[in-house]
C-alpha atoms as a PDB file:
ATOM      1  CA  MET A   1       0.589 235.844  57.952  1.00  0.00           C
ATOM      2  CA  ARG A   2      -2.538 235.990  60.045  1.00  0.00           C
ATOM      3  CA  SER A   3      -3.752 232.746  61.532  1.00  0.00           C
ATOM      4  CA  PRO A   4      -7.307 231.699  60.550  1.00  0.00           C
ATOM      5  CA  ASP A   5     -10.122 231.685  63.044  1.00  0.00           C
ATOM      6  CA  LYS A   6      -9.878 228.432  65.026  1.00  0.00           C
ATOM      7  CA  ASN A   7     -13.664 228.110  64.972  1.00  0.00           C
ATOM      8  CA  LEU A   8     -13.663 227.925  61.190  1.00  0.00           C
ATOM      9  CA  ILE A   9     -10.981 225.325  60.531  1.00  0.00           C
ATOM     10  CA  VAL A  10      -9.696 222.225  62.260  1.00  0.00           C
ATOM     11  CA  SER A  11      -6.293 223.626  63.169  1.00  0.00           C
ATOM     12  CA  ALA A  12      -5.081 220.417  64.823  1.00  0.00           C
ATOM     13  CA  THR A  13      -5.631 218.574  61.559  1.00  0.00           C
ATOM     14  CA  VAL A  14      -3.657 221.165  59.625  1.00  0.00           C
ATOM     15  CA  THR A  15      -0.820 220.883  62.105  1.00  0.00           C
ATOM     16  CA  ASP A  16      -0.771 217.134  61.588  1.00  0.00           C
ATOM     17  CA  ILE A  17      -0.728 217.621  57.823  1.00  0.00           C
ATOM     18  CA  LEU A  18       2.313 219.865  57.920  1.00  0.00           C
ATOM     19  CA  ARG A  19       4.388 218.319  60.638  1.00  0.00           C
ATOM     20  CA  SER A  20       5.750 215.716  58.186  1.00  0.00           C
ATOM     21  CA  TRP A  21       4.791 212.499  59.985  1.00  0.00           C
ATOM     22  CA  ASN A  22       8.288 211.187  59.375  1.00  0.00           C
ATOM     23  CA  VAL A  23      11.201 211.030  57.025  1.00  0.00           C
ATOM     24  CA  ARG A  24      10.974 207.987  54.817  1.00  0.00           C
ATOM     25  CA  GLY A  25      12.784 206.322  51.937  1.00  0.00           C
ATOM     26  CA  ILE A  26      12.045 207.375  48.381  1.00  0.00           C
ATOM     27  CA  ALA A  27      10.973 203.838  47.368  1.00  0.00           C
ATOM     28  CA  SER A  28       7.275 204.596  47.902  1.00  0.00           C
ATOM     29  CA  VAL A  29       7.463 207.699  45.715  1.00  0.00           C
ATOM     30  CA  HIS A  30       9.179 205.573  43.067  1.00  0.00           C
ATOM     31  CA  LEU A  31       6.254 203.113  43.137  1.00  0.00           C
ATOM     32  CA  LEU A  32       3.711 205.930  42.874  1.00  0.00           C
ATOM     33  CA  VAL A  33       5.502 207.517  39.912  1.00  0.00           C
ATOM     34  CA  SER A  34       5.583 204.117  38.180  1.00  0.00           C
ATOM     35  CA  LEU A  35       1.850 203.799  38.763  1.00  0.00           C
ATOM     36  CA  GLY A  36       1.315 207.236  37.245  1.00  0.00           C
ATOM     37  CA  ALA A  37       3.413 206.288  34.221  1.00  0.00           C
ATOM     38  CA  GLU A  38       1.202 203.254  33.556  1.00  0.00           C
ATOM     39  CA  HIS A  39      -1.743 205.638  33.320  1.00  0.00           C
ATOM     40  CA  GLY A  40      -0.016 208.100  31.000  1.00  0.00           C
ATOM     41  CA  LEU A  41       1.448 210.581  33.480  1.00  0.00           C
ATOM     42  CA  SER A  42       4.995 211.847  33.229  1.00  0.00           C
ATOM     43  CA  ALA A  43       7.314 211.733  36.228  1.00  0.00           C
ATOM     44  CA  ARG A  44       7.222 215.531  36.309  1.00  0.00           C
ATOM     45  CA  ASP A  45       3.419 215.458  36.488  1.00  0.00           C
ATOM     46  CA  CYS A  46       3.597 213.126  39.479  1.00  0.00           C
ATOM     47  CA  LEU A  47       6.356 215.068  41.259  1.00  0.00           C
ATOM     48  CA  HIS A  48       4.987 218.556  40.595  1.00  0.00           C
ATOM     49  CA  GLY A  49       5.339 220.783  43.641  1.00  0.00           C
ATOM     50  CA  SER A  50       6.965 218.078  45.784  1.00  0.00           C
ATOM     51  CA  GLY A  51      10.532 219.359  45.635  1.00  0.00           C
ATOM     52  CA  ILE A  52      11.640 215.888  44.452  1.00  0.00           C
ATOM     53  CA  SER A  53      13.584 215.842  41.193  1.00  0.00           C
ATOM     54  CA  VAL A  54      13.108 213.201  38.513  1.00  0.00           C
ATOM     55  CA  GLU A  55      16.809 212.385  38.743  1.00  0.00           C
ATOM     56  CA  SER A  56      16.617 211.642  42.486  1.00  0.00           C
ATOM     57  CA  LEU A  57      14.257 208.720  41.822  1.00  0.00           C
ATOM     58  CA  GLU A  58      17.266 206.696  40.684  1.00  0.00           C
ATOM     59  CA  ASP A  59      18.854 206.912  44.142  1.00  0.00           C
ATOM     60  CA  LEU A  60      16.823 204.461  46.229  1.00  0.00           C
ATOM     61  CA  SER A  61      18.909 205.292  49.316  1.00  0.00           C
ATOM     62  CA  ARG A  62      17.570 208.848  49.293  1.00  0.00           C
ATOM     63  CA  GLU A  63      15.140 210.013  51.979  1.00  0.00           C
ATOM     64  CA  VAL A  64      12.207 212.392  51.526  1.00  0.00           C
ATOM     65  CA  GLU A  65       9.784 214.024  53.920  1.00  0.00           C
ATOM     66  CA  ALA A  66       6.348 212.515  54.311  1.00  0.00           C
ATOM     67  CA  SER A  67       4.892 215.852  53.195  1.00  0.00           C
ATOM     68  CA  GLN A  68       6.744 215.477  49.892  1.00  0.00           C
ATOM     69  CA  GLU A  69       5.243 212.039  49.300  1.00  0.00           C
ATOM     70  CA  LEU A  70       1.865 213.468  50.278  1.00  0.00           C
ATOM     71  CA  THR A  71       2.206 216.005  47.453  1.00  0.00           C
ATOM     72  CA  VAL A  72       2.842 213.159  45.000  1.00  0.00           C
ATOM     73  CA  VAL A  73      -0.254 211.353  46.341  1.00  0.00           C
ATOM     74  CA  ARG A  74      -2.290 214.536  45.881  1.00  0.00           C
ATOM     75  CA  ASN A  75      -1.117 214.827  42.282  1.00  0.00           C
ATOM     76  CA  LEU A  76      -2.113 211.234  41.523  1.00  0.00           C
ATOM     77  CA  SER A  77      -5.457 211.611  43.309  1.00  0.00           C
ATOM     78  CA  ARG A  78      -6.260 214.667  41.210  1.00  0.00           C
ATOM     79  CA  LEU A  79      -4.843 213.616  37.842  1.00  0.00           C
ATOM     80  CA  LEU A  80      -6.134 210.025  38.051  1.00  0.00           C
ATOM     81  CA  ALA A  81      -9.478 210.775  39.680  1.00  0.00           C
ATOM     82  CA  HIS A  82     -11.145 209.153  36.660  1.00  0.00           C
ATOM     83  CA  VAL A  83      -9.381 205.811  37.276  1.00  0.00           C
ATOM     84  CA  PRO A  84     -11.440 203.483  39.505  1.00  0.00           C
ATOM     85  CA  ALA A  85      -9.686 201.740  42.419  1.00  0.00           C
ATOM     86  CA  ILE A  86      -6.448 203.667  41.928  1.00  0.00           C
ATOM     87  CA  GLY A  87      -5.655 203.320  45.646  1.00  0.00           C
ATOM     88  CA  LEU A  88      -6.075 199.554  45.346  1.00  0.00           C
ATOM     89  CA  GLU A  89      -3.695 199.530  42.378  1.00  0.00           C
ATOM     90  CA  ALA A  90      -1.124 201.474  44.378  1.00  0.00           C
ATOM     91  CA  GLY A  91      -1.316 199.215  47.435  1.00  0.00           C
ATOM     92  CA  GLN A  92      -0.746 196.034  45.450  1.00  0.00           C
ATOM     93  CA  ARG A  93       2.731 197.254  44.513  1.00  0.00           C
ATOM     94  CA  TYR A  94       4.203 197.253  48.012  1.00  0.00           C
ATOM     95  CA  ARG A  95       6.470 194.404  49.149  1.00  0.00           C
ATOM     96  CA  SER A  96       8.531 193.841  52.282  1.00  0.00           C
ATOM     97  CA  HIS A  97      11.881 194.444  50.561  1.00  0.00           C
ATOM     98  CA  GLY A  98      10.861 198.064  49.953  1.00  0.00           C
ATOM     99  CA  TYR A  99      11.067 198.670  53.717  1.00  0.00           C
ATOM    100  CA  GLY A 100      14.762 197.869  54.032  1.00  0.00           C
ATOM    101  CA  ILE A 101      15.883 196.351  57.333  1.00  0.00           C
ATOM    102  CA  MET A 102      12.324 196.477  58.650  1.00  0.00           C
ATOM    103  CA  GLY A 103      11.255 194.261  55.757  1.00  0.00           C
ATOM    104  CA  TYR A 104      13.767 191.614  56.835  1.00  0.00           C
ATOM    105  CA  ALA A 105      12.318 191.757  60.344  1.00  0.00           C
ATOM    106  CA  LEU A 106       8.811 191.156  59.007  1.00  0.00           C
ATOM    107  CA  LEU A 107       9.953 188.220  56.847  1.00  0.00           C
ATOM    108  CA  SER A 108      11.742 186.683  59.848  1.00  0.00           C
ATOM    109  CA  SER A 109       8.843 187.098  62.283  1.00  0.00           C
ATOM    110  CA  ARG A 110       7.373 184.058  64.027  1.00  0.00           C
ATOM    111  CA  SER A 111       3.808 184.690  62.814  1.00  0.00           C
ATOM    112  CA  LEU A 112       1.605 187.271  61.165  1.00  0.00           C
ATOM    113  CA  ARG A 113       0.589 188.482  64.625  1.00  0.00           C
ATOM    114  CA  SER A 114       4.196 189.143  65.641  1.00  0.00           C
ATOM    115  CA  ALA A 115       4.945 190.730  62.249  1.00  0.00           C
ATOM    116  CA  LEU A 116       1.974 193.098  62.637  1.00  0.00           C
ATOM    117  CA  ASP A 117       3.012 193.930  66.198  1.00  0.00           C
ATOM    118  CA  PHE A 118       6.510 194.760  64.940  1.00  0.00           C
ATOM    119  CA  ALA A 119       5.164 196.878  62.072  1.00  0.00           C
ATOM    120  CA  ILE A 120       2.907 198.891  64.381  1.00  0.00           C
ATOM    121  CA  ARG A 121       5.726 199.369  66.886  1.00  0.00           C
ATOM    122  CA  TYR A 122       7.991 200.774  64.155  1.00  0.00           C
ATOM    123  CA  LEU A 123       5.261 202.365  62.040  1.00  0.00           C
ATOM    124  CA  ASP A 124       7.363 205.491  61.512  1.00  0.00           C
ATOM    125  CA  LEU A 125       9.750 203.381  59.416  1.00  0.00           C
ATOM    126  CA  THR A 126       6.963 202.512  56.970  1.00  0.00           C
ATOM    127  CA  PHE A 127       5.260 204.530  54.236  1.00  0.00           C
ATOM    128  CA  ALA A 128       1.870 204.587  55.987  1.00  0.00           C
ATOM    129  CA  PHE A 129      -0.067 207.821  56.475  1.00  0.00           C
ATOM    130  CA  ASN A 130      -2.798 206.151  58.497  1.00  0.00           C
ATOM    131  CA  ARG A 131      -2.073 205.362  62.131  1.00  0.00           C
ATOM    132  CA  TYR A 132      -2.474 201.690  63.092  1.00  0.00           C
ATOM    133  CA  ARG A 133      -3.542 199.781  66.185  1.00  0.00           C
ATOM    134  CA  SER A 134      -4.409 196.126  66.730  1.00  0.00           C
ATOM    135  CA  GLU A 135      -7.096 194.446  68.826  1.00  0.00           C
ATOM    136  CA  THR A 136      -7.417 190.783  69.777  1.00  0.00           C
ATOM    137  CA  LEU A 137     -10.914 189.414  69.147  1.00  0.00           C
ATOM    138  CA  PRO A 138     -12.307 185.932  69.805  1.00  0.00           C
ATOM    139  CA  GLU A 139     -12.272 185.265  66.059  1.00  0.00           C
ATOM    140  CA  GLY A 140      -8.823 186.684  65.340  1.00  0.00           C
ATOM    141  CA  LEU A 141      -6.795 189.887  65.112  1.00  0.00           C
ATOM    142  CA  ARG A 142      -8.363 193.205  64.102  1.00  0.00           C
ATOM    143  CA  VAL A 143      -6.117 195.909  62.652  1.00  0.00           C
ATOM    144  CA  VAL A 144      -7.690 199.381  62.756  1.00  0.00           C
ATOM    145  CA  LEU A 145      -6.534 202.326  60.633  1.00  0.00           C
ATOM    146  CA  ASP A 146      -7.032 205.918  61.770  1.00  0.00           C
ATOM    147  CA  ASP A 147      -7.178 208.405  58.869  1.00  0.00           C
ATOM    148  CA  SER A 148      -8.069 211.500  60.926  1.00  0.00           C
ATOM    149  CA  ALA A 149      -4.789 213.318  60.164  1.00  0.00           C
ATOM    150  CA  ILE A 150      -4.962 212.738  56.390  1.00  0.00           C
ATOM    151  CA  PRO A 151      -6.193 215.583  54.148  1.00  0.00           C
ATOM    152  CA  GLU A 152      -9.661 214.921  52.785  1.00  0.00           C
ATOM    153  CA  ASP A 153      -8.669 215.263  49.131  1.00  0.00           C
ATOM    154  CA  CYS A 154      -6.443 212.157  49.232  1.00  0.00           C
ATOM    155  CA  ARG A 155      -7.886 210.295  52.229  1.00  0.00           C
ATOM    156  CA  GLN A 156      -9.702 207.528  50.348  1.00  0.00           C
ATOM    157  CA  PHE A 157      -6.686 206.920  48.095  1.00  0.00           C
ATOM    158  CA  LEU A 158      -4.403 206.486  51.115  1.00  0.00           C
ATOM    159  CA  VAL A 159      -6.857 204.339  53.074  1.00  0.00           C
ATOM    160  CA  GLU A 160      -7.245 201.986  50.097  1.00  0.00           C
ATOM    161  CA  ARG A 161      -3.487 201.990  49.517  1.00  0.00           C
ATOM    162  CA  ASP A 162      -2.528 201.307  53.139  1.00  0.00           C
ATOM    163  CA  VAL A 163      -5.168 198.597  53.698  1.00  0.00           C
ATOM    164  CA  THR A 164      -4.279 196.886  50.422  1.00  0.00           C
ATOM    165  CA  SER A 165      -0.514 197.065  50.995  1.00  0.00           C
ATOM    166  CA  THR A 166      -0.966 195.607  54.498  1.00  0.00           C
ATOM    167  CA  VAL A 167      -2.796 192.574  53.123  1.00  0.00           C
ATOM    168  CA  ALA A 168      -0.402 192.258  50.164  1.00  0.00           C
ATOM    169  CA  ILE A 169       2.595 192.105  52.508  1.00  0.00           C
ATOM    170  CA  MET A 170       0.872 189.615  54.825  1.00  0.00           C
ATOM    171  CA  ARG A 171       0.323 187.344  51.817  1.00  0.00           C
ATOM    172  CA  GLN A 172       3.974 187.702  50.888  1.00  0.00           C
ATOM    173  CA  LEU A 173       5.020 186.694  54.416  1.00  0.00           C
ATOM    174  CA  ILE A 174       2.782 183.637  54.598  1.00  0.00           C
ATOM    175  CA  LEU A 175       3.408 182.642  50.944  1.00  0.00           C
ATOM    176  CA  LYS A 176      -0.287 181.933  50.452  1.00  0.00           C
ATOM    177  CA  PRO A 177      -3.297 183.825  49.034  1.00  0.00           C
ATOM    178  CA  LEU A 178      -4.442 184.752  52.545  1.00  0.00           C
ATOM    179  CA  PRO A 179      -8.202 185.396  52.768  1.00  0.00           C
ATOM    180  CA  VAL A 180      -9.314 187.989  55.287  1.00  0.00           C
ATOM    181  CA  GLN A 181     -12.240 187.360  57.589  1.00  0.00           C
ATOM    182  CA  ARG A 182     -13.589 190.862  57.199  1.00  0.00           C
ATOM    183  CA  VAL A 183     -12.575 194.257  55.782  1.00  0.00           C
ATOM    184  CA  SER A 184     -14.472 197.425  56.633  1.00  0.00           C
ATOM    185  CA  PHE A 185     -14.269 200.958  55.258  1.00  0.00           C
ATOM    186  CA  ARG A 186     -15.867 204.116  56.578  1.00  0.00           C
ATOM    187  CA  PHE A 187     -16.507 205.530  53.106  1.00  0.00           C
ATOM    188  CA  ALA A 188     -19.598 204.668  51.063  1.00  0.00           C
ATOM    189  CA  ARG A 189     -19.638 201.699  48.692  1.00  0.00           C
ATOM    190  CA  PRO A 190     -17.803 202.801  45.526  1.00  0.00           C
ATOM    191  CA  SER A 191     -18.661 201.788  41.981  1.00  0.00           C
ATOM    192  CA  TYR A 192     -15.598 199.515  41.887  1.00  0.00           C
ATOM    193  CA  ALA A 193     -16.441 197.640  45.118  1.00  0.00           C
ATOM    194  CA  GLU A 194     -16.259 194.286  43.314  1.00  0.00           C
ATOM    195  CA  ARG A 195     -12.548 194.824  42.660  1.00  0.00           C
ATOM    196  CA  LEU A 196     -11.922 195.358  46.366  1.00  0.00           C
ATOM    197  CA  GLU A 197     -13.926 192.229  47.241  1.00  0.00           C
ATOM    198  CA  GLU A 198     -11.987 190.203  44.664  1.00  0.00           C
ATOM    199  CA  PHE A 199      -8.628 191.326  46.058  1.00  0.00           C
ATOM    200  CA  PHE A 200      -9.387 190.767  49.738  1.00  0.00           C
ATOM    201  CA  ARG A 201     -10.970 187.294  49.169  1.00  0.00           C
ATOM    202  CA  GLY A 202     -13.433 187.942  51.962  1.00  0.00           C
ATOM    203  CA  PRO A 203     -16.461 190.076  52.852  1.00  0.00           C
ATOM    204  CA  VAL A 204     -15.960 193.831  52.472  1.00  0.00           C
ATOM    205  CA  PHE A 205     -18.285 196.297  54.208  1.00  0.00           C
ATOM    206  CA  PHE A 206     -18.734 200.016  53.551  1.00  0.00           C
ATOM    207  CA  GLY A 207     -20.174 202.866  55.588  1.00  0.00           C
ATOM    208  CA  GLU A 208     -18.752 201.307  58.761  1.00  0.00           C
ATOM    209  CA  THR A 209     -17.509 203.095  61.887  1.00  0.00           C
ATOM    210  CA  ALA A 210     -13.827 202.313  61.226  1.00  0.00           C
ATOM    211  CA  HIS A 211     -11.375 201.198  58.569  1.00  0.00           C
ATOM    212  CA  ALA A 212     -10.281 197.736  59.706  1.00  0.00           C
ATOM    213  CA  ILE A 213      -8.980 194.318  58.674  1.00  0.00           C
ATOM    214  CA  VAL A 214      -9.822 191.153  60.605  1.00  0.00           C
ATOM    215  CA  VAL A 215      -7.594 188.091  60.106  1.00  0.00           C
ATOM    216  CA  SER A 216      -8.720 184.822  61.662  1.00  0.00           C
ATOM    217  CA  THR A 217      -6.675 183.145  64.404  1.00  0.00           C
ATOM    218  CA  GLN A 218      -6.082 180.212  62.046  1.00  0.00           C
ATOM    219  CA  TRP A 219      -3.939 182.442  59.847  1.00  0.00           C
ATOM    220  CA  VAL A 220      -2.633 185.094  62.195  1.00  0.00           C
ATOM    221  CA  ASP A 221      -0.907 182.611  64.537  1.00  0.00           C
ATOM    222  CA  GLN A 222       0.318 180.208  61.874  1.00  0.00           C
ATOM    223  CA  PRO A 223       4.164 179.981  61.877  1.00  0.00           C
ATOM    224  CA  LEU A 224       5.753 181.857  59.005  1.00  0.00           C
ATOM    225  CA  PRO A 225       7.956 179.854  56.585  1.00  0.00           C
ATOM    226  CA  GLN A 226      11.006 182.104  57.097  1.00  0.00           C
ATOM    227  CA  GLY A 227      10.560 182.772  60.811  1.00  0.00           C
ATOM    228  CA  ASP A 228      13.844 183.250  62.654  1.00  0.00           C
ATOM    229  CA  GLU A 229      13.892 184.929  66.071  1.00  0.00           C
ATOM    230  CA  PRO A 230      17.649 185.776  66.170  1.00  0.00           C
ATOM    231  CA  THR A 231      17.265 187.643  62.879  1.00  0.00           C
ATOM    232  CA  VAL A 232      14.275 189.551  64.247  1.00  0.00           C
ATOM    233  CA  ARG A 233      16.265 190.611  67.316  1.00  0.00           C
ATOM    234  CA  LEU A 234      19.182 191.783  65.185  1.00  0.00           C
ATOM    235  CA  CYS A 235      16.859 193.690  62.843  1.00  0.00           C
ATOM    236  CA  GLU A 236      15.029 195.276  65.754  1.00  0.00           C
ATOM    237  CA  GLU A 237      18.266 196.722  67.112  1.00  0.00           C
ATOM    238  CA  GLN A 238      18.939 198.313  63.733  1.00  0.00           C
ATOM    239  CA  CYS A 239      15.354 199.533  63.406  1.00  0.00           C
ATOM    240  CA  ARG A 240      15.562 201.129  66.840  1.00  0.00           C
ATOM    241  CA  ASP A 241      18.806 202.888  65.942  1.00  0.00           C
ATOM    242  CA  LEU A 242      17.363 204.073  62.629  1.00  0.00           C
ATOM    243  CA  LEU A 243      14.206 205.386  64.268  1.00  0.00           C
ATOM    244  CA  ASP A 244      16.148 207.130  67.050  1.00  0.00           C
ATOM    245  CA  GLY A 245      18.410 208.719  64.453  1.00  0.00           C
ATOM    246  CA  ARG A 246      15.507 210.046  62.431  1.00  0.00           C
ATOM    247  CA  ARG A 247      13.774 211.442  65.483  1.00  0.00           C
ATOM    248  CA  ALA A 248      16.983 213.013  66.783  1.00  0.00           C
ATOM    249  CA  ARG A 249      17.435 215.087  63.648  1.00  0.00           C
ATOM    250  CA  THR A 250      15.672 218.358  64.267  1.00  0.00           C
ATOM    251  CA  ARG A 251      15.004 219.734  60.823  1.00  0.00           C
ATOM    252  CA  ILE A 252      15.013 223.503  60.644  1.00  0.00           C
ATOM    253  CA  SER A 253      12.241 223.369  58.031  1.00  0.00           C
ATOM    254  CA  GLU A 254       9.959 221.664  60.547  1.00  0.00           C
ATOM    255  CA  ARG A 255      10.685 224.326  63.167  1.00  0.00           C
ATOM    256  CA  VAL A 256       9.844 227.040  60.626  1.00  0.00           C
ATOM    257  CA  ARG A 257       6.562 225.310  59.707  1.00  0.00           C
ATOM    258  CA  GLN A 258       5.507 225.175  63.331  1.00  0.00           C
ATOM    259  CA  ARG A 259       6.139 228.896  63.734  1.00  0.00           C
ATOM    260  CA  LEU A 260       4.223 229.737  60.576  1.00  0.00           C
ATOM    261  CA  LEU A 261       1.218 227.839  61.961  1.00  0.00           C
ATOM    262  CA  ARG A 262       1.082 229.669  65.292  1.00  0.00           C
ATOM    263  CA  PRO A 263      -1.648 232.246  65.918  1.00  0.00           C
ATOM    264  CA  GLN A 264      -0.649 235.729  64.701  1.00  0.00           C
ATOM    265  CA  SER A 265       2.420 234.256  62.999  1.00  0.00           C
ATOM    266  CA  THR A 266       4.580 236.261  60.649  1.00  0.00           C
ATOM    267  CA  ALA A 267       5.566 235.444  57.065  1.00  0.00           C
ATOM    268  CA  LYS A 268       8.713 237.578  57.265  1.00  0.00           C
ATOM    269  CA  MET A 269      11.941 235.630  57.133  1.00  0.00           C
ATOM    270  CA  ASP A 270      13.978 238.012  59.275  1.00  0.00           C
ATOM    271  CA  GLU A 271      11.411 237.835  62.097  1.00  0.00           C
ATOM    272  CA  VAL A 272      11.234 234.029  62.015  1.00  0.00           C
ATOM    273  CA  ALA A 273      15.041 233.846  61.937  1.00  0.00           C
ATOM    274  CA  ALA A 274      15.187 236.087  65.019  1.00  0.00           C
ATOM    275  CA  GLU A 275      12.709 233.801  66.821  1.00  0.00           C
ATOM    276  CA  LEU A 276      15.009 230.870  66.027  1.00  0.00           C
ATOM    277  CA  GLY A 277      18.071 232.805  67.260  1.00  0.00           C
ATOM    278  CA  MET A 278      19.922 233.078  63.977  1.00  0.00           C
ATOM    279  CA  ALA A 279      20.631 235.498  61.168  1.00  0.00           C
ATOM    280  CA  PRO A 280      18.390 235.403  58.064  1.00  0.00           C
ATOM    281  CA  ARG A 281      21.326 234.305  55.887  1.00  0.00           C
ATOM    282  CA  THR A 282      21.970 231.373  58.252  1.00  0.00           C
ATOM    283  CA  LEU A 283      18.329 230.340  58.083  1.00  0.00           C
ATOM    284  CA  HIS A 284      18.459 230.604  54.287  1.00  0.00           C
ATOM    285  CA  ARG A 285      21.558 228.380  54.171  1.00  0.00           C
ATOM    286  CA  LEU A 286      20.109 225.752  56.504  1.00  0.00           C
ATOM    287  CA  LEU A 287      16.820 225.575  54.601  1.00  0.00           C
ATOM    288  CA  ASP A 288      18.718 225.293  51.332  1.00  0.00           C
ATOM    289  CA  SER A 289      20.680 222.332  52.758  1.00  0.00           C
ATOM    290  CA  GLU A 290      17.312 220.615  53.376  1.00  0.00           C
ATOM    291  CA  GLY A 291      16.198 221.258  49.809  1.00  0.00           C
ATOM    292  CA  THR A 292      13.664 223.956  50.566  1.00  0.00           C
ATOM    293  CA  SER A 293      13.322 227.713  51.107  1.00  0.00           C
ATOM    294  CA  PHE A 294      11.434 230.079  53.374  1.00  0.00           C
ATOM    295  CA  ARG A 295       9.106 231.110  50.542  1.00  0.00           C
ATOM    296  CA  GLN A 296       8.382 227.460  49.708  1.00  0.00           C
ATOM    297  CA  LEU A 297       7.472 226.757  53.349  1.00  0.00           C
ATOM    298  CA  VAL A 298       5.172 229.799  53.495  1.00  0.00           C
ATOM    299  CA  ASP A 299       3.456 228.569  50.326  1.00  0.00           C
ATOM    300  CA  GLU A 300       3.165 225.040  51.775  1.00  0.00           C
ATOM    301  CA  VAL A 301       1.509 226.296  54.960  1.00  0.00           C
ATOM    302  CA  ARG A 302      -0.811 228.644  53.087  1.00  0.00           C
ATOM    303  CA  ARG A 303      -1.773 225.921  50.635  1.00  0.00           C
ATOM    304  CA  ALA A 304      -2.678 223.455  53.403  1.00  0.00           C
ATOM    305  CA  LEU A 305      -4.642 226.088  55.302  1.00  0.00           C
ATOM    306  CA  ALA A 306      -6.428 227.211  52.147  1.00  0.00           C
ATOM    307  CA  GLU A 307      -7.378 223.647  51.191  1.00  0.00           C
ATOM    308  CA  GLU A 308      -8.656 222.943  54.691  1.00  0.00           C
ATOM    309  CA  MET A 309     -10.762 226.111  54.805  1.00  0.00           C
ATOM    310  CA  LEU A 310     -12.170 225.625  51.310  1.00  0.00           C
ATOM    311  CA  SER A 311     -13.109 222.043  52.263  1.00  0.00           C
ATOM    312  CA  HIS A 312     -15.015 223.507  55.224  1.00  0.00           C
ATOM    313  CA  ARG A 313     -17.148 225.579  52.848  1.00  0.00           C
ATOM    314  CA  MET A 314     -15.541 228.970  53.429  1.00  0.00           C
ATOM    315  CA  THR A 315     -15.727 231.404  50.517  1.00  0.00           C
ATOM    316  CA  VAL A 316     -12.667 232.359  48.501  1.00  0.00           C
ATOM    317  CA  GLU A 317     -12.915 235.892  49.866  1.00  0.00           C
ATOM    318  CA  GLU A 318     -12.998 234.631  53.471  1.00  0.00           C
ATOM    319  CA  VAL A 319      -9.969 232.397  52.886  1.00  0.00           C
ATOM    320  CA  ALA A 320      -8.013 235.208  51.235  1.00  0.00           C
ATOM    321  CA  GLU A 321      -8.788 237.563  54.131  1.00  0.00           C
ATOM    322  CA  ARG A 322      -7.755 235.037  56.779  1.00  0.00           C
ATOM    323  CA  LEU A 323      -4.507 234.201  55.013  1.00  0.00           C
ATOM    324  CA  GLY A 324      -3.566 237.854  54.784  1.00  0.00           C
ATOM    325  CA  TYR A 325      -4.036 238.396  51.043  1.00  0.00           C
ATOM    326  CA  SER A 326      -5.063 241.946  50.181  1.00  0.00           C
ATOM    327  CA  GLU A 327      -7.305 240.721  47.340  1.00  0.00           C
ATOM    328  CA  ALA A 328      -9.056 237.460  46.495  1.00  0.00           C
ATOM    329  CA  SER A 329      -7.372 237.560  43.084  1.00  0.00           C
ATOM    330  CA  SER A 330      -3.970 237.144  44.764  1.00  0.00           C
ATOM    331  CA  LEU A 331      -5.160 233.943  46.424  1.00  0.00           C
ATOM    332  CA  PHE A 332      -6.671 232.813  43.112  1.00  0.00           C
ATOM    333  CA  HIS A 333      -3.331 233.043  41.282  1.00  0.00           C
ATOM    334  CA  ALA A 334      -1.348 231.492  44.147  1.00  0.00           C
ATOM    335  CA  PHE A 335      -3.794 228.609  44.606  1.00  0.00           C
ATOM    336  CA  LYS A 336      -3.838 227.786  40.904  1.00  0.00           C
ATOM    337  CA  ARG A 337      -0.039 227.765  40.899  1.00  0.00           C
ATOM    338  CA  TRP A 338      -0.022 225.355  43.859  1.00  0.00           C
ATOM    339  CA  THR A 339      -2.723 222.923  42.754  1.00  0.00           C
ATOM    340  CA  GLY A 340      -3.426 223.454  39.070  1.00  0.00           C
ATOM    341  CA  VAL A 341      -7.068 224.342  39.765  1.00  0.00           C
ATOM    342  CA  SER A 342      -8.827 227.483  40.967  1.00  0.00           C
ATOM    343  CA  PRO A 343     -10.057 227.813  44.583  1.00  0.00           C
ATOM    344  CA  ARG A 344     -13.688 227.572  43.442  1.00  0.00           C
ATOM    345  CA  GLN A 345     -12.972 224.442  41.374  1.00  0.00           C
ATOM    346  CA  TYR A 346     -11.228 222.877  44.367  1.00  0.00           C
ATOM    347  CA  ARG A 347     -14.153 223.711  46.650  1.00  0.00           C
ATOM    348  CA  ARG A 348     -16.636 222.143  44.206  1.00  0.00           C
ATOM    349  CA  GLN A 349     -14.478 219.014  43.935  1.00  0.00           C
ATOM    350  CA  ALA A 350     -14.191 218.806  47.733  1.00  0.00           C
ATOM    351  CA  GLY A 351     -17.973 219.037  47.959  1.00  0.00           C
ATOM    352  CA  VAL A 352     -18.411 216.172  45.510  1.00  0.00           C
ATOM    353  CA  ARG A 353     -15.894 214.044  47.413  1.00  0.00           C
ATOM    354  CA  GLY A 354     -17.722 214.787  50.640  1.00  0.00           C
ATOM    355  CA  LEU A 355     -20.967 213.487  49.175  1.00  0.00           C
ATOM    356  CA  LYS A 356     -19.284 210.265  48.075  1.00  0.00           C
ATOM    357  CA  SER A 357     -17.406 209.547  51.280  1.00  0.00           C
END
């Protein structure tokens, strides 16, 4: 597989898309599938292409890769594009108990400020796709979300979801309908802006330089009803162990993805196996144990690269040539199998989204 020209696509962004930010619990996927069901989608519609089975949704102890949840988000973003404020609807469903031991730590925190500090410190144990940071201002605490590593086709959905879920959980912790001092979004004012303003109970601004939430000092430093420092310390030990364990597991699928993304990479399994110092049958067995295959990973990388290039206004023929397809028709059939739409339809949709954002 030939690597695309670095001048024509943002390769760092694609790498971020495919590196699977983290492994996370399946609870978030469960919430998203339930949301889809309320709008007439089947579980199979929501899970299409994710490698997650309908049956696995019943096992809430199961873990999935962030890239698998991202596929579910993409499906909802595409199939429910006609539903206004769908990201807002998704975010309102999240509660602290869905985060396991981390949720107990948040409930037991001394204040909203300490809970937010804890959440940002252990962000890889959450379901967030945005990266978070906090800033202390004279008027309160500002939480900033960075969406730069999120694919454009589901960026607004995930920004709305993550901002909304953050506020929803803060309200759960404080046991009051917490008003925010200010919420800002980088995207343009949508037609459903009133619904966002109603939820946040404070001024909402669009077309700003950053996605951010500002909570006044009055609320952010108010003691939480269930605050208990010994419980927080105990939970933090377990969170640290859980995070270390997840990071220590080197998934062979991730190592294969990284090789497929390198310049002048190969899409031949025997060559990649040799680079990894193992026989092809061993690589096949290890990938199978992680619920994937070499062909599925090649398709995943090609799909992400194709979507990125099409979003950057490259022609179908240019994308096919850079991904090593002998004919544009081969890319056409593969892309429609991956996404349910043709490359040209996807490019038109990406153009419309770009005008709105």
